[in-house]
Amino acid sequence: MNEYLGSNGLMRLLAMIYDEELPTKEVLEVLKRLHIPGYEEARHHFEDAIAAGVYEPNTAPGFPHQKQIEAILRFVREQSRE
């Protein structure tokens, strides 16, 4: 996966979308997991965080803003302390 990190890795993944090498949704998920801070950990907790009122999903499903990701991660940490 290291080959997909950094600006060169990002460009490789974007080229995969352009060249239709892999399904677009799969490449987009890899992009988010590798390049969006906190997404990898937060992605498993979207539904629980929404149900708890941590954030209102006002973006396309699976595309939270950075502030929403941060709120989800705070929620996860608080839940793990309980």
Protein backbone atom coordinates (compact mmCIF):
# COMPACT_ATOMS: atom_id res chain seq x y z
CA MET A 1 0.00 0.00 0.00
CA ASN A 2 2.95 2.36 0.46
CA GLU A 3 3.05 2.85 -3.30
CA TYR A 4 -0.29 4.67 -3.03
CA LEU A 5 0.79 7.13 -0.32
CA GLY A 6 1.96 10.69 -0.87
CA SER A 7 1.34 12.83 -3.92
CA ASN A 8 2.69 10.23 -6.36
CA GLY A 9 0.47 7.55 -4.86
CA LEU A 10 -2.51 9.85 -5.01
CA MET A 11 -1.80 10.49 -8.68
CA ARG A 12 -1.54 6.73 -9.33
CA LEU A 13 -4.94 6.17 -7.76
CA LEU A 14 -6.47 9.03 -9.72
CA ALA A 15 -5.00 7.57 -12.91
CA MET A 16 -6.66 4.24 -12.05
CA ILE A 17 -10.00 6.01 -11.95
CA TYR A 18 -9.26 7.80 -15.22
CA ASP A 19 -8.10 4.61 -16.95
CA GLU A 20 -10.99 2.64 -15.43
CA GLU A 21 -8.52 -0.01 -14.21
CA LEU A 22 -10.64 -0.82 -11.16
CA PRO A 23 -14.21 -0.04 -10.12
CA THR A 24 -14.40 3.66 -9.28
CA LYS A 25 -16.10 3.12 -5.91
CA GLU A 26 -13.32 0.78 -4.79
CA VAL A 27 -10.58 3.23 -5.78
CA LEU A 28 -12.42 6.09 -4.06
CA GLU A 29 -12.62 4.06 -0.85
CA VAL A 30 -8.86 3.34 -1.01
CA LEU A 31 -8.22 7.05 -1.62
CA LYS A 32 -10.23 8.03 1.45
CA ARG A 33 -8.61 5.35 3.62
CA LEU A 34 -5.08 6.39 2.67
CA HIS A 35 -5.34 10.15 2.23
CA ILE A 36 -8.06 11.46 4.57
CA PRO A 37 -6.79 11.83 8.15
CA GLY A 38 -8.79 9.71 10.58
CA TYR A 39 -11.04 8.17 7.94
CA GLU A 40 -9.63 4.65 8.33
CA GLU A 41 -10.57 4.51 12.02
CA ALA A 42 -13.79 6.51 11.77
CA ARG A 43 -15.33 4.62 8.85
CA HIS A 44 -16.35 1.71 11.05
CA HIS A 45 -18.38 3.99 13.31
CA PHE A 46 -20.40 6.23 10.96
CA GLU A 47 -23.78 4.64 11.67
CA ASP A 48 -23.31 4.51 15.45
CA ALA A 49 -22.16 8.14 15.52
CA ILE A 50 -25.14 9.27 13.44
CA ALA A 51 -27.54 7.30 15.66
CA ALA A 52 -26.00 8.93 18.75
CA GLY A 53 -26.43 12.40 17.24
CA VAL A 54 -22.69 13.00 17.02
CA TYR A 55 -23.10 14.54 13.60
CA GLU A 56 -25.77 15.04 11.00
CA PRO A 57 -24.92 13.37 7.70
CA ASN A 58 -25.11 16.34 5.33
CA THR A 59 -22.74 14.89 2.73
CA ALA A 60 -22.91 11.95 0.35
CA PRO A 61 -22.87 8.66 2.31
CA GLY A 62 -19.31 7.72 3.22
CA PHE A 63 -17.93 11.20 2.51
CA PRO A 64 -17.89 13.01 5.87
CA HIS A 65 -16.08 16.31 6.25
CA GLN A 66 -12.91 16.43 8.36
CA LYS A 67 -14.74 18.03 11.32
CA GLN A 68 -17.26 15.19 11.21
CA ILE A 69 -14.47 12.61 11.20
CA GLU A 70 -12.91 14.32 14.21
CA ALA A 71 -16.28 14.26 16.02
CA ILE A 72 -16.68 10.56 15.24
CA LEU A 73 -13.21 9.79 16.61
CA ARG A 74 -13.97 11.72 19.82
CA PHE A 75 -17.20 9.72 20.12
CA VAL A 76 -15.30 6.44 19.66
CA ARG A 77 -12.75 7.41 22.33
CA GLU A 78 -15.51 8.38 24.77
CA GLN A 79 -17.31 5.09 24.12
CA SER A 80 -14.16 3.09 24.78
CA ARG A 81 -13.74 4.77 28.19
CA GLU A 82 -17.21 3.71 29.31
